[in-house]
């Protein structure tokens, strides 16, 4: 039993999954139209937020070829954090970087 809950009303859904076997991801990531999303999961909400932010800082550093300190500074003004889940023992936070957030 996975106890995964995906509960939302919808008439039609189109999902596209692409496996990138050449990537070495440390945590889940998603690409949606217009944005990149990273996820942090932990029993502690602060740690979940930290993990989501750290993953996004890595993406920013790679995408813009900057050091981690610069990537963190860019993230502080361009990345939004949202609570994904706050049930059971594991808390979830996702970080969103819109494609047009950094020019």
PDB file of N, CA and C in Angstrom:
ATOM      1  N   UNK A   1       0.847  -1.173   0.000  1.00  0.00           N
ATOM      2  CA  UNK A   1       0.000   0.000   0.000  1.00  0.00           C
ATOM      3  C   UNK A   1       0.890   1.232   0.000  1.00  0.00           C
ATOM      4  N   UNK A   2       0.677   2.135  -0.968  1.00  0.00           N
ATOM      5  CA  UNK A   2       1.544   3.305  -1.075  1.00  0.00           C
ATOM      6  C   UNK A   2       1.007   4.509  -0.322  1.00  0.00           C
ATOM      7  N   UNK A   3      -0.259   4.538   0.010  1.00  0.00           N
ATOM      8  CA  UNK A   3      -0.957   5.648   0.669  1.00  0.00           C
ATOM      9  C   UNK A   3      -0.680   6.999   0.003  1.00  0.00           C
ATOM     10  N   UNK A   4      -0.438   6.979  -1.315  1.00  0.00           N
ATOM     11  CA  UNK A   4      -0.263   8.220  -2.062  1.00  0.00           C
ATOM     12  C   UNK A   4      -1.636   8.798  -2.365  1.00  0.00           C
ATOM     13  N   UNK A   5      -1.829  10.053  -2.072  1.00  0.00           N
ATOM     14  CA  UNK A   5      -3.117  10.695  -2.304  1.00  0.00           C
ATOM     15  C   UNK A   5      -2.964  11.792  -3.350  1.00  0.00           C
ATOM     16  N   UNK A   6      -3.673  11.624  -4.434  1.00  0.00           N
ATOM     17  CA  UNK A   6      -3.757  12.678  -5.442  1.00  0.00           C
ATOM     18  C   UNK A   6      -5.244  12.959  -5.596  1.00  0.00           C
ATOM     19  N   UNK A   7      -5.696  14.020  -4.962  1.00  0.00           N
ATOM     20  CA  UNK A   7      -7.117  14.307  -4.917  1.00  0.00           C
ATOM     21  C   UNK A   7      -7.394  15.690  -5.470  1.00  0.00           C
ATOM     22  N   UNK A   8      -7.969  15.732  -6.650  1.00  0.00           N
ATOM     23  CA  UNK A   8      -8.360  17.002  -7.225  1.00  0.00           C
ATOM     24  C   UNK A   8      -9.361  16.739  -8.343  1.00  0.00           C
ATOM     25  N   UNK A   9     -10.331  17.618  -8.440  1.00  0.00           N
ATOM     26  CA  UNK A   9     -11.332  17.485  -9.489  1.00  0.00           C
ATOM     27  C   UNK A   9     -10.775  17.949 -10.824  1.00  0.00           C
ATOM     28  N   UNK A  10     -11.033  17.178 -11.881  1.00  0.00           N
ATOM     29  CA  UNK A  10     -10.584  17.561 -13.212  1.00  0.00           C
ATOM     30  C   UNK A  10     -11.362  16.771 -14.247  1.00  0.00           C
ATOM     31  N   UNK A  11     -11.501  17.366 -15.405  1.00  0.00           N
ATOM     32  CA  UNK A  11     -12.197  16.695 -16.499  1.00  0.00           C
ATOM     33  C   UNK A  11     -11.235  15.910 -17.377  1.00  0.00           C
ATOM     34  N   UNK A  12     -10.068  16.462 -17.630  1.00  0.00           N
ATOM     35  CA  UNK A  12      -9.083  15.800 -18.482  1.00  0.00           C
ATOM     36  C   UNK A  12      -7.690  16.173 -18.024  1.00  0.00           C
ATOM     37  N   UNK A  13      -6.781  15.245 -18.132  1.00  0.00           N
ATOM     38  CA  UNK A  13      -5.396  15.480 -17.727  1.00  0.00           C
ATOM     39  C   UNK A  13      -4.483  14.931 -18.804  1.00  0.00           C
ATOM     40  N   UNK A  14      -3.459  15.706 -19.126  1.00  0.00           N
ATOM     41  CA  UNK A  14      -2.444  15.237 -20.069  1.00  0.00           C
ATOM     42  C   UNK A  14      -1.100  15.311 -19.358  1.00  0.00           C
ATOM     43  N   UNK A  15      -0.488  14.176 -19.152  1.00  0.00           N
ATOM     44  CA  UNK A  15       0.806  14.101 -18.481  1.00  0.00           C
ATOM     45  C   UNK A  15       1.838  13.562 -19.454  1.00  0.00           C
ATOM     46  N   UNK A  16       3.042  14.100 -19.343  1.00  0.00           N
ATOM     47  CA  UNK A  16       4.141  13.614 -20.162  1.00  0.00           C
ATOM     48  C   UNK A  16       5.328  13.388 -19.231  1.00  0.00           C
ATOM     49  N   UNK A  17       5.792  12.166 -19.178  1.00  0.00           N
ATOM     50  CA  UNK A  17       6.928  11.817 -18.343  1.00  0.00           C
ATOM     51  C   UNK A  17       8.114  11.501 -19.236  1.00  0.00           C
ATOM     52  N   UNK A  18       9.245  12.115 -18.926  1.00  0.00           N
ATOM     53  CA  UNK A  18      10.470  11.872 -19.674  1.00  0.00           C
ATOM     54  C   UNK A  18      11.540  11.440 -18.681  1.00  0.00           C
ATOM     55  N   UNK A  19      12.161  10.319 -18.936  1.00  0.00           N
ATOM     56  CA  UNK A  19      13.236   9.833 -18.078  1.00  0.00           C
ATOM     57  C   UNK A  19      14.558  10.346 -18.641  1.00  0.00           C
ATOM     58  N   UNK A  20      15.276  11.095 -17.833  1.00  0.00           N
ATOM     59  CA  UNK A  20      16.591  11.617 -18.206  1.00  0.00           C
ATOM     60  C   UNK A  20      17.625  10.817 -17.423  1.00  0.00           C
ATOM     61  N   UNK A  21      18.055   9.724 -17.986  1.00  0.00           N
ATOM     62  CA  UNK A  21      18.966   8.839 -17.261  1.00  0.00           C
ATOM     63  C   UNK A  21      20.367   9.430 -17.090  1.00  0.00           C
ATOM     64  N   UNK A  22      20.669  10.511 -17.816  1.00  0.00           N
ATOM     65  CA  UNK A  22      21.983  11.131 -17.709  1.00  0.00           C
ATOM     66  C   UNK A  22      22.067  12.140 -16.565  1.00  0.00           C
ATOM     67  N   UNK A  23      20.945  12.474 -15.938  1.00  0.00           N
ATOM     68  CA  UNK A  23      20.940  13.431 -14.835  1.00  0.00           C
ATOM     69  C   UNK A  23      21.147  12.709 -13.510  1.00  0.00           C
ATOM     70  N   UNK A  24      21.875  13.347 -12.634  1.00  0.00           N
ATOM     71  CA  UNK A  24      22.084  12.802 -11.294  1.00  0.00           C
ATOM     72  C   UNK A  24      21.357  13.694 -10.298  1.00  0.00           C
ATOM     73  N   UNK A  25      20.081  13.452 -10.136  1.00  0.00           N
ATOM     74  CA  UNK A  25      19.252  14.275  -9.267  1.00  0.00           C
ATOM     75  C   UNK A  25      19.341  13.787  -7.825  1.00  0.00           C
ATOM     76  N   UNK A  26      19.417  14.727  -6.915  1.00  0.00           N
ATOM     77  CA  UNK A  26      19.445  14.402  -5.498  1.00  0.00           C
ATOM     78  C   UNK A  26      18.048  14.432  -4.892  1.00  0.00           C
ATOM     79  N   UNK A  27      17.090  15.035  -5.620  1.00  0.00           N
ATOM     80  CA  UNK A  27      15.724  15.158  -5.120  1.00  0.00           C
ATOM     81  C   UNK A  27      14.788  15.324  -6.312  1.00  0.00           C
ATOM     82  N   UNK A  28      13.488  15.173  -6.080  1.00  0.00           N
ATOM     83  CA  UNK A  28      12.542  15.320  -7.190  1.00  0.00           C
ATOM     84  C   UNK A  28      12.547  16.737  -7.765  1.00  0.00           C
ATOM     85  N   UNK A  29      12.383  16.804  -9.072  1.00  0.00           N
ATOM     86  CA  UNK A  29      12.270  18.081  -9.785  1.00  0.00           C
ATOM     87  C   UNK A  29      11.179  17.925 -10.829  1.00  0.00           C
ATOM     88  N   UNK A  30      10.606  19.028 -11.236  1.00  0.00           N
ATOM     89  CA  UNK A  30       9.589  19.002 -12.281  1.00  0.00           C
ATOM     90  C   UNK A  30       9.732  20.225 -13.158  1.00  0.00           C
ATOM     91  N   UNK A  31       9.388  20.040 -14.403  1.00  0.00           N
ATOM     92  CA  UNK A  31       9.350  21.150 -15.363  1.00  0.00           C
ATOM     93  C   UNK A  31       7.898  21.320 -15.754  1.00  0.00           C
ATOM     94  N   UNK A  32       7.371  22.520 -15.602  1.00  0.00           N
ATOM     95  CA  UNK A  32       6.019  22.831 -16.046  1.00  0.00           C
ATOM     96  C   UNK A  32       6.124  23.983 -17.028  1.00  0.00           C
ATOM     97  N   UNK A  33       5.107  24.229 -17.833  1.00  0.00           N
ATOM     98  CA  UNK A  33       5.186  25.358 -18.755  1.00  0.00           C
ATOM     99  C   UNK A  33       5.483  26.661 -18.002  1.00  0.00           C
ATOM    100  N   UNK A  34       6.603  27.266 -18.323  1.00  0.00           N
ATOM    101  CA  UNK A  34       6.959  28.550 -17.744  1.00  0.00           C
ATOM    102  C   UNK A  34       7.710  28.518 -16.428  1.00  0.00           C
ATOM    103  N   UNK A  35       8.037  27.333 -15.907  1.00  0.00           N
ATOM    104  CA  UNK A  35       8.707  27.312 -14.600  1.00  0.00           C
ATOM    105  C   UNK A  35       9.392  25.977 -14.340  1.00  0.00           C
ATOM    106  N   UNK A  36      10.320  26.026 -13.410  1.00  0.00           N
ATOM    107  CA  UNK A  36      11.013  24.848 -12.887  1.00  0.00           C
ATOM    108  C   UNK A  36      10.609  24.714 -11.426  1.00  0.00           C
ATOM    109  N   UNK A  37      10.443  23.477 -10.960  1.00  0.00           N
ATOM    110  CA  UNK A  37      10.042  23.232  -9.576  1.00  0.00           C
ATOM    111  C   UNK A  37      10.990  22.207  -8.953  1.00  0.00           C
ATOM    112  N   UNK A  38      11.426  22.488  -7.735  1.00  0.00           N
ATOM    113  CA  UNK A  38      12.175  21.511  -6.952  1.00  0.00           C
ATOM    114  C   UNK A  38      11.383  21.230  -5.680  1.00  0.00           C
ATOM    115  N   UNK A  39      11.601  20.049  -5.109  1.00  0.00           N
ATOM    116  CA  UNK A  39      10.838  19.625  -3.946  1.00  0.00           C
ATOM    117  C   UNK A  39      11.768  19.264  -2.797  1.00  0.00           C
ATOM    118  N   UNK A  40      11.331  19.583  -1.600  1.00  0.00           N
ATOM    119  CA  UNK A  40      12.028  19.167  -0.404  1.00  0.00           C
ATOM    120  C   UNK A  40      11.069  18.436   0.508  1.00  0.00           C
ATOM    121  N   UNK A  41      11.486  17.287   0.990  1.00  0.00           N
ATOM    122  CA  UNK A  41      10.654  16.471   1.883  1.00  0.00           C
ATOM    123  C   UNK A  41      11.439  16.144   3.137  1.00  0.00           C
ATOM    124  N   UNK A  42      10.812  16.337   4.285  1.00  0.00           N
ATOM    125  CA  UNK A  42      11.478  16.052   5.548  1.00  0.00           C
ATOM    126  C   UNK A  42      10.435  16.053   6.655  1.00  0.00           C
ATOM    127  N   UNK A  43      10.742  15.435   7.767  1.00  0.00           N
ATOM    128  CA  UNK A  43       9.838  15.482   8.918  1.00  0.00           C
ATOM    129  C   UNK A  43       9.775  16.889   9.514  1.00  0.00           C
ATOM    130  N   UNK A  44      10.790  17.689   9.272  1.00  0.00           N
ATOM    131  CA  UNK A  44      10.856  19.065   9.756  1.00  0.00           C
ATOM    132  C   UNK A  44      10.576  20.014   8.586  1.00  0.00           C
ATOM    133  N   UNK A  45       9.606  20.899   8.741  1.00  0.00           N
ATOM    134  CA  UNK A  45       9.213  21.799   7.650  1.00  0.00           C
ATOM    135  C   UNK A  45      10.360  22.718   7.228  1.00  0.00           C
ATOM    136  N   UNK A  46      11.148  23.193   8.185  1.00  0.00           N
ATOM    137  CA  UNK A  46      12.288  24.044   7.844  1.00  0.00           C
ATOM    138  C   UNK A  46      13.304  23.285   6.996  1.00  0.00           C
ATOM    139  N   UNK A  47      13.546  22.032   7.329  1.00  0.00           N
ATOM    140  CA  UNK A  47      14.483  21.228   6.548  1.00  0.00           C
ATOM    141  C   UNK A  47      13.940  20.938   5.152  1.00  0.00           C
ATOM    142  N   UNK A  48      12.637  20.734   5.053  1.00  0.00           N
ATOM    143  CA  UNK A  48      12.024  20.531   3.739  1.00  0.00           C
ATOM    144  C   UNK A  48      12.216  21.774   2.877  1.00  0.00           C
ATOM    145  N   UNK A  49      12.015  22.949   3.457  1.00  0.00           N
ATOM    146  CA  UNK A  49      12.220  24.205   2.722  1.00  0.00           C
ATOM    147  C   UNK A  49      13.681  24.365   2.322  1.00  0.00           C
ATOM    148  N   UNK A  50      14.583  24.015   3.225  1.00  0.00           N
ATOM    149  CA  UNK A  50      16.014  24.090   2.932  1.00  0.00           C
ATOM    150  C   UNK A  50      16.372  23.183   1.758  1.00  0.00           C
ATOM    151  N   UNK A  51      15.858  21.957   1.762  1.00  0.00           N
ATOM    152  CA  UNK A  51      16.165  21.016   0.686  1.00  0.00           C
ATOM    153  C   UNK A  51      15.636  21.500  -0.663  1.00  0.00           C
ATOM    154  N   UNK A  52      14.421  22.030  -0.685  1.00  0.00           N
ATOM    155  CA  UNK A  52      13.864  22.549  -1.939  1.00  0.00           C
ATOM    156  C   UNK A  52      14.685  23.736  -2.437  1.00  0.00           C
ATOM    157  N   UNK A  53      15.086  24.602  -1.525  1.00  0.00           N
ATOM    158  CA  UNK A  53      15.884  25.780  -1.898  1.00  0.00           C
ATOM    159  C   UNK A  53      17.263  25.370  -2.388  1.00  0.00           C
ATOM    160  N   UNK A  54      17.909  24.460  -1.687  1.00  0.00           N
ATOM    161  CA  UNK A  54      19.240  24.003  -2.100  1.00  0.00           C
ATOM    162  C   UNK A  54      19.221  23.399  -3.501  1.00  0.00           C
ATOM    163  N   UNK A  55      18.192  22.615  -3.793  1.00  0.00           N
ATOM    164  CA  UNK A  55      18.082  22.019  -5.131  1.00  0.00           C
ATOM    165  C   UNK A  55      17.906  23.102  -6.189  1.00  0.00           C
ATOM    166  N   UNK A  56      17.129  24.133  -5.858  1.00  0.00           N
ATOM    167  CA  UNK A  56      16.924  25.220  -6.823  1.00  0.00           C
ATOM    168  C   UNK A  56      18.193  26.054  -6.982  1.00  0.00           C
ATOM    169  N   UNK A  57      18.933  26.260  -5.916  1.00  0.00           N
ATOM    170  CA  UNK A  57      20.202  26.988  -6.006  1.00  0.00           C
ATOM    171  C   UNK A  57      21.155  26.248  -6.944  1.00  0.00           C
ATOM    172  N   UNK A  58      21.179  24.940  -6.868  1.00  0.00           N
ATOM    173  CA  UNK A  58      22.009  24.142  -7.780  1.00  0.00           C
ATOM    174  C   UNK A  58      21.586  24.367  -9.229  1.00  0.00           C
ATOM    175  N   UNK A  59      20.291  24.375  -9.485  1.00  0.00           N
ATOM    176  CA  UNK A  59      19.791  24.607 -10.845  1.00  0.00           C
ATOM    177  C   UNK A  59      20.199  25.992 -11.332  1.00  0.00           C
ATOM    178  N   UNK A  60      20.029  27.001 -10.494  1.00  0.00           N
ATOM    179  CA  UNK A  60      20.383  28.375 -10.882  1.00  0.00           C
ATOM    180  C   UNK A  60      21.882  28.473 -11.159  1.00  0.00           C
ATOM    181  N   UNK A  61      22.704  27.893 -10.289  1.00  0.00           N
ATOM    182  CA  UNK A  61      24.157  27.936 -10.482  1.00  0.00           C
ATOM    183  C   UNK A  61      24.542  27.298 -11.810  1.00  0.00           C
ATOM    184  N   UNK A  62      23.946  26.156 -12.120  1.00  0.00           N
ATOM    185  CA  UNK A  62      24.256  25.467 -13.378  1.00  0.00           C
ATOM    186  C   UNK A  62      23.733  26.237 -14.591  1.00  0.00           C
ATOM    187  N   UNK A  63      22.485  26.684 -14.510  1.00  0.00           N
ATOM    188  CA  UNK A  63      21.852  27.343 -15.659  1.00  0.00           C
ATOM    189  C   UNK A  63      22.519  28.665 -16.016  1.00  0.00           C
ATOM    190  N   UNK A  64      22.924  29.425 -15.001  1.00  0.00           N
ATOM    191  CA  UNK A  64      23.490  30.751 -15.245  1.00  0.00           C
ATOM    192  C   UNK A  64      25.001  30.810 -15.057  1.00  0.00           C
ATOM    193  N   UNK A  65      25.603  29.652 -14.815  1.00  0.00           N
ATOM    194  CA  UNK A  65      27.055  29.542 -14.664  1.00  0.00           C
ATOM    195  C   UNK A  65      27.592  30.548 -13.646  1.00  0.00           C
ATOM    196  N   UNK A  66      27.025  30.484 -12.446  1.00  0.00           N
ATOM    197  CA  UNK A  66      27.451  31.361 -11.348  1.00  0.00           C
ATOM    198  C   UNK A  66      27.814  30.488 -10.146  1.00  0.00           C
ATOM    199  N   UNK A  67      28.539  31.062  -9.203  1.00  0.00           N
ATOM    200  CA  UNK A  67      28.883  30.311  -8.000  1.00  0.00           C
ATOM    201  C   UNK A  67      27.655  30.201  -7.094  1.00  0.00           C
ATOM    202  N   UNK A  68      27.740  29.338  -6.086  1.00  0.00           N
ATOM    203  CA  UNK A  68      26.581  29.076  -5.229  1.00  0.00           C
ATOM    204  C   UNK A  68      26.135  30.312  -4.448  1.00  0.00           C
ATOM    205  N   UNK A  69      27.065  31.149  -4.030  1.00  0.00           N
ATOM    206  CA  UNK A  69      26.684  32.359  -3.289  1.00  0.00           C
ATOM    207  C   UNK A  69      25.843  33.285  -4.173  1.00  0.00           C
ATOM    208  N   UNK A  70      26.255  33.446  -5.422  1.00  0.00           N
ATOM    209  CA  UNK A  70      25.491  34.273  -6.361  1.00  0.00           C
ATOM    210  C   UNK A  70      24.151  33.622  -6.667  1.00  0.00           C
ATOM    211  N   UNK A  71      24.155  32.302  -6.831  1.00  0.00           N
ATOM    212  CA  UNK A  71      22.900  31.586  -7.097  1.00  0.00           C
ATOM    213  C   UNK A  71      21.932  31.732  -5.931  1.00  0.00           C
ATOM    214  N   UNK A  72      22.443  31.687  -4.705  1.00  0.00           N
ATOM    215  CA  UNK A  72      21.590  31.876  -3.538  1.00  0.00           C
ATOM    216  C   UNK A  72      21.021  33.290  -3.498  1.00  0.00           C
ATOM    217  N   UNK A  73      21.839  34.276  -3.828  1.00  0.00           N
ATOM    218  CA  UNK A  73      21.354  35.655  -3.871  1.00  0.00           C
ATOM    219  C   UNK A  73      20.255  35.810  -4.927  1.00  0.00           C
ATOM    220  N   UNK A  74      20.445  35.200  -6.086  1.00  0.00           N
ATOM    221  CA  UNK A  74      19.418  35.241  -7.127  1.00  0.00           C
ATOM    222  C   UNK A  74      18.152  34.513  -6.669  1.00  0.00           C
ATOM    223  N   UNK A  75      18.323  33.383  -6.015  1.00  0.00           N
ATOM    224  CA  UNK A  75      17.166  32.629  -5.524  1.00  0.00           C
ATOM    225  C   UNK A  75      16.365  33.431  -4.511  1.00  0.00           C
ATOM    226  N   UNK A  76      17.060  34.209  -3.683  1.00  0.00           N
ATOM    227  CA  UNK A  76      16.364  34.953  -2.627  1.00  0.00           C
ATOM    228  C   UNK A  76      15.394  35.989  -3.184  1.00  0.00           C
ATOM    229  N   UNK A  77      15.612  36.419  -4.431  1.00  0.00           N
ATOM    230  CA  UNK A  77      14.705  37.411  -5.025  1.00  0.00           C
ATOM    231  C   UNK A  77      13.835  36.841  -6.143  1.00  0.00           C
ATOM    232  N   UNK A  78      14.047  35.581  -6.520  1.00  0.00           N
ATOM    233  CA  UNK A  78      13.320  35.072  -7.680  1.00  0.00           C
ATOM    234  C   UNK A  78      12.588  33.748  -7.453  1.00  0.00           C
ATOM    235  N   UNK A  79      12.813  33.101  -6.337  1.00  0.00           N
ATOM    236  CA  UNK A  79      12.211  31.787  -6.091  1.00  0.00           C
ATOM    237  C   UNK A  79      11.121  31.914  -5.029  1.00  0.00           C
ATOM    238  N   UNK A  80       9.972  31.310  -5.316  1.00  0.00           N
ATOM    239  CA  UNK A  80       8.874  31.260  -4.356  1.00  0.00           C
ATOM    240  C   UNK A  80       8.836  29.876  -3.729  1.00  0.00           C
ATOM    241  N   UNK A  81       8.613  29.835  -2.421  1.00  0.00           N
ATOM    242  CA  UNK A  81       8.452  28.569  -1.706  1.00  0.00           C
ATOM    243  C   UNK A  81       6.987  28.409  -1.307  1.00  0.00           C
ATOM    244  N   UNK A  82       6.489  27.187  -1.452  1.00  0.00           N
ATOM    245  CA  UNK A  82       5.121  26.884  -1.052  1.00  0.00           C
ATOM    246  C   UNK A  82       5.102  25.536  -0.343  1.00  0.00           C
ATOM    247  N   UNK A  83       4.238  25.439   0.639  1.00  0.00           N
ATOM    248  CA  UNK A  83       4.093  24.163   1.340  1.00  0.00           C
ATOM    249  C   UNK A  83       3.302  23.218   0.444  1.00  0.00           C
ATOM    250  N   UNK A  84       3.886  22.069   0.161  1.00  0.00           N
ATOM    251  CA  UNK A  84       3.266  21.051  -0.668  1.00  0.00           C
ATOM    252  C   UNK A  84       2.363  20.158   0.164  1.00  0.00           C
ATOM    253  N   UNK A  85       2.847  19.766   1.316  1.00  0.00           N
ATOM    254  CA  UNK A  85       2.041  18.914   2.199  1.00  0.00           C
ATOM    255  C   UNK A  85       2.462  19.126   3.637  1.00  0.00           C
ATOM    256  N   UNK A  86       1.497  18.981   4.514  1.00  0.00           N
ATOM    257  CA  UNK A  86       1.749  19.096   5.945  1.00  0.00           C
ATOM    258  C   UNK A  86       0.877  18.070   6.660  1.00  0.00           C
ATOM    259  N   UNK A  87       0.990  16.848   6.212  1.00  0.00           N
ATOM    260  CA  UNK A  87       0.227  15.753   6.802  1.00  0.00           C
ATOM    261  C   UNK A  87       1.182  14.614   7.100  1.00  0.00           C
ATOM    262  N   UNK A  88       0.704  13.672   7.873  1.00  0.00           N
ATOM    263  CA  UNK A  88       1.527  12.532   8.260  1.00  0.00           C
ATOM    264  C   UNK A  88       2.799  13.034   8.925  1.00  0.00           C
ATOM    265  N   UNK A  89       3.868  12.318   8.776  1.00  0.00           N
ATOM    266  CA  UNK A  89       5.128  12.749   9.385  1.00  0.00           C
ATOM    267  C   UNK A  89       5.980  13.558   8.433  1.00  0.00           C
ATOM    268  N   UNK A  90       5.848  13.328   7.140  1.00  0.00           N
ATOM    269  CA  UNK A  90       6.711  13.993   6.167  1.00  0.00           C
ATOM    270  C   UNK A  90       6.057  15.274   5.674  1.00  0.00           C
ATOM    271  N   UNK A  91       6.787  16.379   5.821  1.00  0.00           N
ATOM    272  CA  UNK A  91       6.334  17.670   5.317  1.00  0.00           C
ATOM    273  C   UNK A  91       6.967  17.886   3.951  1.00  0.00           C
ATOM    274  N   UNK A  92       6.290  18.649   3.113  1.00  0.00           N
ATOM    275  CA  UNK A  92       6.810  18.919   1.783  1.00  0.00           C
ATOM    276  C   UNK A  92       6.754  20.397   1.456  1.00  0.00           C
ATOM    277  N   UNK A  93       7.802  20.863   0.795  1.00  0.00           N
ATOM    278  CA  UNK A  93       7.881  22.247   0.306  1.00  0.00           C
ATOM    279  C   UNK A  93       8.354  22.179  -1.134  1.00  0.00           C
ATOM    280  N   UNK A  94       7.767  23.027  -1.985  1.00  0.00           N
ATOM    281  CA  UNK A  94       8.303  23.110  -3.333  1.00  0.00           C
ATOM    282  C   UNK A  94       8.743  24.540  -3.623  1.00  0.00           C
ATOM    283  N   UNK A  95       9.820  24.629  -4.378  1.00  0.00           N
ATOM    284  CA  UNK A  95      10.394  25.913  -4.793  1.00  0.00           C
ATOM    285  C   UNK A  95      10.085  26.091  -6.276  1.00  0.00           C
ATOM    286  N   UNK A  96       9.633  27.286  -6.644  1.00  0.00           N
ATOM    287  CA  UNK A  96       9.251  27.563  -8.023  1.00  0.00           C
ATOM    288  C   UNK A  96      10.118  28.702  -8.567  1.00  0.00           C
ATOM    289  N   UNK A  97      10.741  28.450  -9.705  1.00  0.00           N
ATOM    290  CA  UNK A  97      11.513  29.468 -10.414  1.00  0.00           C
ATOM    291  C   UNK A  97      10.858  29.664 -11.786  1.00  0.00           C
ATOM    292  N   UNK A  98      10.204  30.796 -11.960  1.00  0.00           N
ATOM    293  CA  UNK A  98       9.598  31.097 -13.264  1.00  0.00           C
ATOM    294  C   UNK A  98      10.692  31.367 -14.279  1.00  0.00           C
ATOM    295  N   UNK A  99      10.456  30.951 -15.516  1.00  0.00           N
ATOM    296  CA  UNK A  99      11.452  31.129 -16.578  1.00  0.00           C
ATOM    297  C   UNK A  99      11.849  32.584 -16.775  1.00  0.00           C
ATOM    298  N   UNK A 100      10.934  33.510 -16.545  1.00  0.00           N
ATOM    299  CA  UNK A 100      11.221  34.919 -16.767  1.00  0.00           C
ATOM    300  C   UNK A 100      11.683  35.658 -15.508  1.00  0.00           C
ATOM    301  N   UNK A 101      11.951  34.912 -14.432  1.00  0.00           N
ATOM    302  CA  UNK A 101      12.320  35.543 -13.157  1.00  0.00           C
ATOM    303  C   UNK A 101      13.737  36.112 -13.155  1.00  0.00           C
ATOM    304  N   UNK A 102      14.635  35.490 -13.901  1.00  0.00           N
ATOM    305  CA  UNK A 102      16.025  35.955 -13.968  1.00  0.00           C
ATOM    306  C   UNK A 102      16.344  36.202 -15.426  1.00  0.00           C
ATOM    307  N   UNK A 103      16.773  37.415 -15.720  1.00  0.00           N
ATOM    308  CA  UNK A 103      16.998  37.778 -17.128  1.00  0.00           C
ATOM    309  C   UNK A 103      18.396  37.735 -17.580  1.00  0.00           C
TER     310      UNK A 103
END
